[in-house]
Protein backbone atom coordinates (compact mmCIF):
# COMPACT_ATOMS: atom_id res chain seq x y z
CA MET A 1 14.07 -4.66 -6.54
CA THR A 2 11.36 -5.87 -4.17
CA ASP A 3 11.79 -5.67 -0.39
CA ARG A 4 11.60 -9.26 0.89
CA ARG A 5 10.27 -7.89 4.24
CA LEU A 6 7.13 -6.69 2.48
CA THR A 7 6.86 -9.17 -0.41
CA PRO A 8 4.86 -12.31 0.45
CA ALA A 9 6.81 -14.68 -1.78
CA ASN A 10 9.56 -17.28 -1.44
CA ALA A 11 11.10 -19.81 -3.83
CA ARG A 12 8.01 -22.04 -3.76
CA VAL A 13 4.94 -19.88 -3.28
CA ALA A 14 3.66 -16.32 -3.56
CA ALA A 15 0.51 -14.44 -2.63
CA ILE A 16 -2.12 -14.42 -5.34
CA GLU A 17 -1.98 -10.63 -5.70
CA LEU A 18 1.65 -10.89 -6.85
CA GLN A 19 0.80 -12.63 -10.10
CA GLY A 20 2.57 -10.71 -12.85
CA VAL A 21 4.81 -9.01 -10.30
CA VAL A 22 7.10 -11.86 -9.19
CA ASP A 23 7.98 -15.29 -10.57
CA ALA A 24 6.77 -18.20 -8.45
CA PRO A 25 5.84 -21.85 -9.07
CA LYS A 26 2.51 -21.34 -7.30
CA PHE A 27 0.27 -18.45 -6.29
CA VAL A 28 -2.16 -18.86 -3.38
CA GLU A 29 -4.76 -16.89 -1.45
CA GLY A 30 -3.42 -18.12 1.88
CA ASP A 31 -5.27 -18.82 5.12
CA MET A 32 -5.80 -16.59 8.13
CA PHE A 33 -4.55 -17.54 11.59
CA SER A 34 -3.98 -15.77 14.90
CA ILE A 35 -0.97 -15.88 17.20
CA VAL A 36 -1.67 -18.05 20.25
CA ALA A 37 1.71 -17.65 21.97
CA SER A 38 2.47 -14.79 24.34
CA VAL A 39 5.04 -13.53 21.82
CA SER A 40 6.14 -15.18 18.58
CA ASP A 41 9.29 -14.38 16.64
CA LEU A 42 8.85 -13.52 12.97
CA ARG A 43 12.01 -14.75 11.26
CA ALA A 44 13.69 -14.09 7.93
CA THR A 45 14.10 -17.84 7.35
CA PRO A 46 13.11 -20.98 9.27
CA ASP A 47 15.34 -21.02 12.36
CA GLY A 48 16.88 -17.79 11.06
CA LYS A 49 17.34 -14.46 12.77
CA ARG A 50 14.43 -12.63 14.35
CA ASP A 51 13.18 -9.69 12.32
CA ARG A 52 10.20 -8.69 14.44
CA GLN A 53 7.72 -10.17 16.90
CA LEU A 54 3.96 -10.69 16.93
CA GLN A 55 1.89 -10.79 20.09
CA PHE A 56 -1.04 -12.95 21.16
CA GLY A 57 -4.08 -12.35 18.98
CA GLU A 58 -2.33 -10.73 16.02
CA ALA A 59 -3.44 -11.93 12.60
CA PHE A 60 -1.05 -13.80 10.31
CA ARG A 61 -1.78 -14.87 6.74
CA VAL A 62 -0.17 -18.25 6.03
CA LEU A 63 0.89 -19.04 2.45
CA GLU A 64 2.58 -22.37 3.17
CA THR A 65 3.64 -24.58 6.09
CA ARG A 66 6.64 -26.91 5.91
CA GLU A 67 8.48 -28.82 8.63
CA GLY A 68 6.92 -26.90 11.51
CA TRP A 69 7.30 -23.41 10.03
CA SER A 70 4.58 -21.26 8.48
CA PHE A 71 5.54 -18.69 5.86
CA GLY A 72 3.33 -15.67 5.40
CA GLN A 73 2.58 -12.07 6.25
CA ALA A 74 1.59 -10.21 9.40
CA VAL A 75 -1.72 -8.59 8.53
CA GLN A 76 -1.37 -5.43 10.58
CA SER A 77 2.15 -4.40 9.64
CA GLY A 78 2.57 -6.25 6.32
CA TYR A 79 5.86 -7.80 7.49
CA VAL A 80 6.73 -11.10 5.80
CA GLY A 81 8.54 -14.05 7.33
CA TYR A 82 8.36 -17.38 9.11
CA ILE A 83 6.43 -18.18 12.31
CA ARG A 84 6.58 -21.45 14.24
CA GLN A 85 3.49 -23.44 13.28
CA ASP A 86 2.76 -24.21 16.94
CA ASP A 87 2.40 -20.48 17.65
CA LEU A 88 -0.62 -20.22 15.32
CA GLY A 89 -4.26 -20.99 16.02
CA PRO A 90 -7.67 -20.34 14.48
CA ALA A 91 -8.28 -16.81 13.25
CA ASN A 92 -10.24 -14.58 15.58
CA THR A 93 -11.69 -11.08 15.51
CA PRO A 94 -10.19 -9.13 18.42
CA THR A 95 -12.68 -7.13 20.44
CA HIS A 96 -10.29 -5.96 23.18
CA PHE A 97 -6.60 -5.32 23.78
CA VAL A 98 -4.52 -5.63 26.94
CA SER A 99 -4.23 -2.07 28.26
CA ALA A 100 -2.27 -2.92 31.42
CA ARG A 101 1.50 -3.43 31.20
CA ALA A 102 0.84 -7.16 31.46
CA THR A 103 -1.69 -9.70 32.63
CA HIS A 104 -2.19 -13.47 32.42
CA LEU A 105 -4.23 -15.94 30.44
CA TYR A 106 -5.97 -18.52 32.67
CA PRO A 107 -7.47 -21.94 31.86
CA GLU A 108 -10.41 -21.24 34.20
CA ALA A 109 -12.03 -18.27 35.92
CA ASN A 110 -9.85 -18.64 39.00
CA PHE A 111 -6.96 -16.40 40.02
CA LYS A 112 -5.35 -19.34 41.84
CA ALA A 113 -5.26 -21.48 38.70
CA GLU A 114 -1.86 -21.83 37.07
CA GLU A 115 -1.62 -19.36 34.21
CA ILE A 116 -1.24 -20.52 30.61
CA CYS A 117 0.98 -17.61 29.61
CA SER A 118 1.48 -13.90 30.12
CA LEU A 119 -0.12 -11.31 27.86
CA GLY A 120 1.70 -8.04 27.37
CA PHE A 121 0.37 -4.57 26.67
CA GLY A 122 -1.19 -4.54 23.22
CA ALA A 123 -2.06 -8.25 23.01
CA ARG A 124 -5.43 -8.77 21.32
CA VAL A 125 -8.30 -11.01 22.43
CA GLU A 126 -11.80 -11.84 21.23
CA ILE A 127 -14.18 -11.68 24.19
CA ILE A 128 -17.53 -13.48 24.13
CA ALA A 129 -18.67 -13.08 27.77
CA ARG A 130 -17.65 -11.55 31.10
CA ASP A 131 -18.59 -11.66 34.76
CA ASP A 132 -17.56 -9.42 37.66
CA ARG A 133 -13.91 -10.53 37.41
CA PHE A 134 -13.11 -12.40 34.22
CA ALA A 135 -13.62 -12.00 30.51
CA THR A 136 -14.06 -15.22 28.52
CA LEU A 137 -12.18 -15.61 25.24
CA ASN A 138 -13.81 -17.23 22.21
CA SER A 139 -11.21 -20.01 22.59
CA GLY A 140 -12.32 -20.75 26.16
CA GLU A 141 -9.56 -19.14 28.24
CA TYR A 142 -9.96 -16.30 30.72
CA VAL A 143 -8.40 -12.88 31.31
CA PRO A 144 -9.14 -10.43 34.16
CA HIS A 145 -11.46 -7.97 32.44
CA LYS A 146 -10.02 -4.94 34.28
CA MET A 147 -6.86 -5.43 32.23
CA LEU A 148 -8.69 -5.03 28.91
CA THR A 149 -9.96 -2.13 26.80
CA PRO A 150 -12.29 -2.40 23.78
CA MET A 151 -10.57 -2.11 20.41
CA SER A 152 -12.97 0.76 19.70
CA ASP A 153 -11.33 2.78 22.52
CA LEU A 154 -7.75 2.91 21.25
CA ILE A 155 -5.47 5.31 23.11
CA ASP A 156 -5.30 8.43 20.95
CA ASP A 157 -1.84 9.60 22.06
CA PRO A 158 1.14 7.46 20.94
CA VAL A 159 3.34 9.13 23.57
CA VAL A 160 1.14 7.78 26.37
CA ILE A 161 1.71 4.32 24.91
CA ALA A 162 5.47 4.87 24.61
CA GLU A 163 5.56 5.88 28.29
CA MET A 164 3.99 2.51 29.19
CA PHE A 165 7.28 0.93 28.07
CA LEU A 166 9.67 3.10 30.07
CA GLY A 167 12.19 0.79 31.73
CA VAL A 168 11.42 -2.18 29.47
CA SER A 169 14.64 -3.90 28.43
CA TYR A 170 16.07 -3.38 24.96
CA LEU A 171 15.67 -6.37 22.64
CA TRP A 172 16.66 -6.33 18.97
CA GLY A 173 13.52 -7.04 16.96
CA GLY A 174 11.35 -6.94 20.09
CA ASN A 175 7.72 -5.86 20.01
CA SER A 176 6.43 -6.41 23.53
CA ILE A 177 6.66 -5.55 27.20
CA HIS A 178 9.09 -8.49 27.49
CA GLY A 179 11.63 -6.63 25.33
CA ILE A 180 11.47 -4.01 22.60
CA ASP A 181 13.65 -2.07 20.17
CA CYS A 182 13.40 1.46 18.79
CA SER A 183 11.14 0.75 15.83
CA GLY A 184 9.06 -1.71 17.86
CA LEU A 185 8.35 1.03 20.39
CA VAL A 186 7.24 3.46 17.69
CA GLN A 187 5.17 0.77 16.00
CA MET A 188 3.36 -0.08 19.24
CA GLY A 189 2.67 3.58 19.94
CA LEU A 190 1.27 4.25 16.50
CA GLN A 191 -0.71 1.07 15.97
CA LEU A 192 -2.50 1.31 19.31
CA SER A 193 -3.37 4.94 18.64
CA GLY A 194 -4.96 4.08 15.31
CA HIS A 195 -2.09 4.78 12.90
CA ALA A 196 -0.73 2.34 10.33
CA CYS A 197 2.94 1.69 10.97
CA PRO A 198 5.46 -0.70 9.39
CA GLY A 199 7.96 -2.63 11.47
CA ASP A 200 11.45 -1.25 10.84
CA ALA A 201 12.88 2.24 11.24
CA ASP A 202 13.80 2.66 7.57
CA MET A 203 10.23 1.79 6.54
CA GLN A 204 8.82 4.18 9.13
CA GLU A 205 11.09 6.97 7.93
CA ARG A 206 9.75 6.57 4.39
CA THR A 207 6.05 6.23 5.11
CA VAL A 208 4.84 7.44 8.51
CA GLY A 209 3.32 10.88 8.86
CA THR A 210 4.58 13.95 7.03
CA LEU A 211 8.18 15.04 6.59
CA ILE A 212 8.94 18.32 8.42
CA GLY A 213 11.90 20.64 8.02
CA ASP A 214 14.60 21.63 10.49
CA ASN A 215 12.99 25.04 10.84
CA VAL A 216 9.75 23.57 12.29
CA GLN A 217 9.46 23.79 16.08
CA PRO A 218 9.52 20.30 17.65
CA GLN A 219 6.36 19.12 19.38
CA ARG A 220 4.99 16.14 21.29
CA GLY A 221 4.62 13.07 19.08
CA ASP A 222 7.20 14.05 16.47
CA LEU A 223 9.38 11.20 15.24
CA TYR A 224 13.16 11.70 15.00
CA PHE A 225 15.17 9.41 12.75
CA TRP A 226 18.83 8.52 12.55
CA ALA A 227 20.50 5.88 10.40
CA GLY A 228 18.93 2.74 11.85
CA HIS A 229 17.28 4.45 14.82
CA VAL A 230 14.04 6.24 15.74
CA GLY A 231 12.52 7.90 18.77
CA ILE A 232 9.38 9.85 19.65
CA LEU A 233 9.20 13.22 21.41
CA LYS A 234 7.50 13.45 24.80
CA ASP A 235 7.77 17.22 24.51
CA GLU A 236 9.92 19.61 22.49
CA ASN A 237 12.96 18.86 24.66
CA THR A 238 12.55 15.17 25.59
CA LEU A 239 13.01 12.03 23.49
CA ILE A 240 11.60 8.61 24.38
CA HIS A 241 13.43 5.76 22.68
CA ALA A 242 14.50 2.16 23.13
CA ASN A 243 18.28 2.22 22.84
CA VAL A 244 21.42 0.22 23.51
CA HIS A 245 23.07 3.03 25.51
CA HIS A 246 20.48 2.59 28.28
CA MET A 247 19.65 -1.03 27.26
CA ALA A 248 16.06 -0.02 27.90
CA VAL A 249 13.30 2.35 26.89
CA ALA A 250 14.32 5.67 28.38
CA GLU A 251 13.61 9.37 28.40
CA GLU A 252 16.57 11.52 27.37
CA PRO A 253 17.01 15.24 26.71
CA LEU A 254 16.69 15.61 22.95
CA ASN A 255 19.84 17.66 22.44
CA GLN A 256 21.82 15.26 24.63
CA ALA A 257 20.59 12.29 22.59
CA ILE A 258 21.46 14.02 19.30
CA GLU A 259 24.99 14.80 20.53
CA ARG A 260 25.59 11.37 22.06
CA ILE A 261 24.40 9.47 18.98
CA ALA A 262 26.64 11.59 16.75
CA VAL A 263 29.67 11.07 19.02
CA GLN A 264 29.05 7.30 18.95
CA GLY A 265 29.50 7.42 15.18
CA PHE A 266 25.92 7.06 13.99
CA GLY A 267 25.68 10.53 12.48
CA GLY A 268 23.08 13.21 12.83
CA VAL A 269 19.30 13.27 12.55
CA THR A 270 18.35 12.13 9.05
CA SER A 271 14.73 13.30 9.13
CA ARG A 272 11.81 14.36 11.29
CA ARG A 273 8.22 13.34 10.70
CA ARG A 274 4.94 14.50 12.21
CA LEU A 275 1.76 12.43 12.52
């Protein structure tokens, strides 16, 4: 059985590469777009529940658009779903990412101008020019250049990225500084340190890094998985995770987290993986 989260097909259309794999009335190449909203919800169905989120500048391959909703696949993570059509704009080639916790997008090179929207850590922009204060996007807006880092200079430690989110509120399906969940936190940490990473904890548990045994000494960057939950180690004794107990991204002693999660009825650690 195919996983609908990773299979770019619905009842009307499918990606061209799925010919012979799924049944569909029509197979298409699709068209590339970029997210132009601060954060856009990727939904299981039009107006359905949020599965994940995409940030400004992320690439989205559209297979069809109907009644204000675009169906397709997030290029970076491979996650499939529906995005509001208004949240999509022309495809770009990001040159920089937001490396501050947050900044703003301006209509002109003026800090007193009313901002268009906020841009959270990890948002992607294509920069075509800069002066002593502002970087100019290919689409004509402006971002303070001190808040940006070239895509070629990704942060090489996913734990440093996870620490950027400490205190950020828990949000089911969240993928930004405005709210994030456990798998979103791990995905942000890995993607911005140059690692491929799918969107949900069960996918991450199957594919990210290398499985390690219980006899292996924990170390910084190890991923710990439970049924429906994941966290990353700051050091051998400290877990960083977005969780409902704290309703935020928090640091917690690893043994304390293991005991608490078990007492709450979610069982023990199901696996450990190392990048």
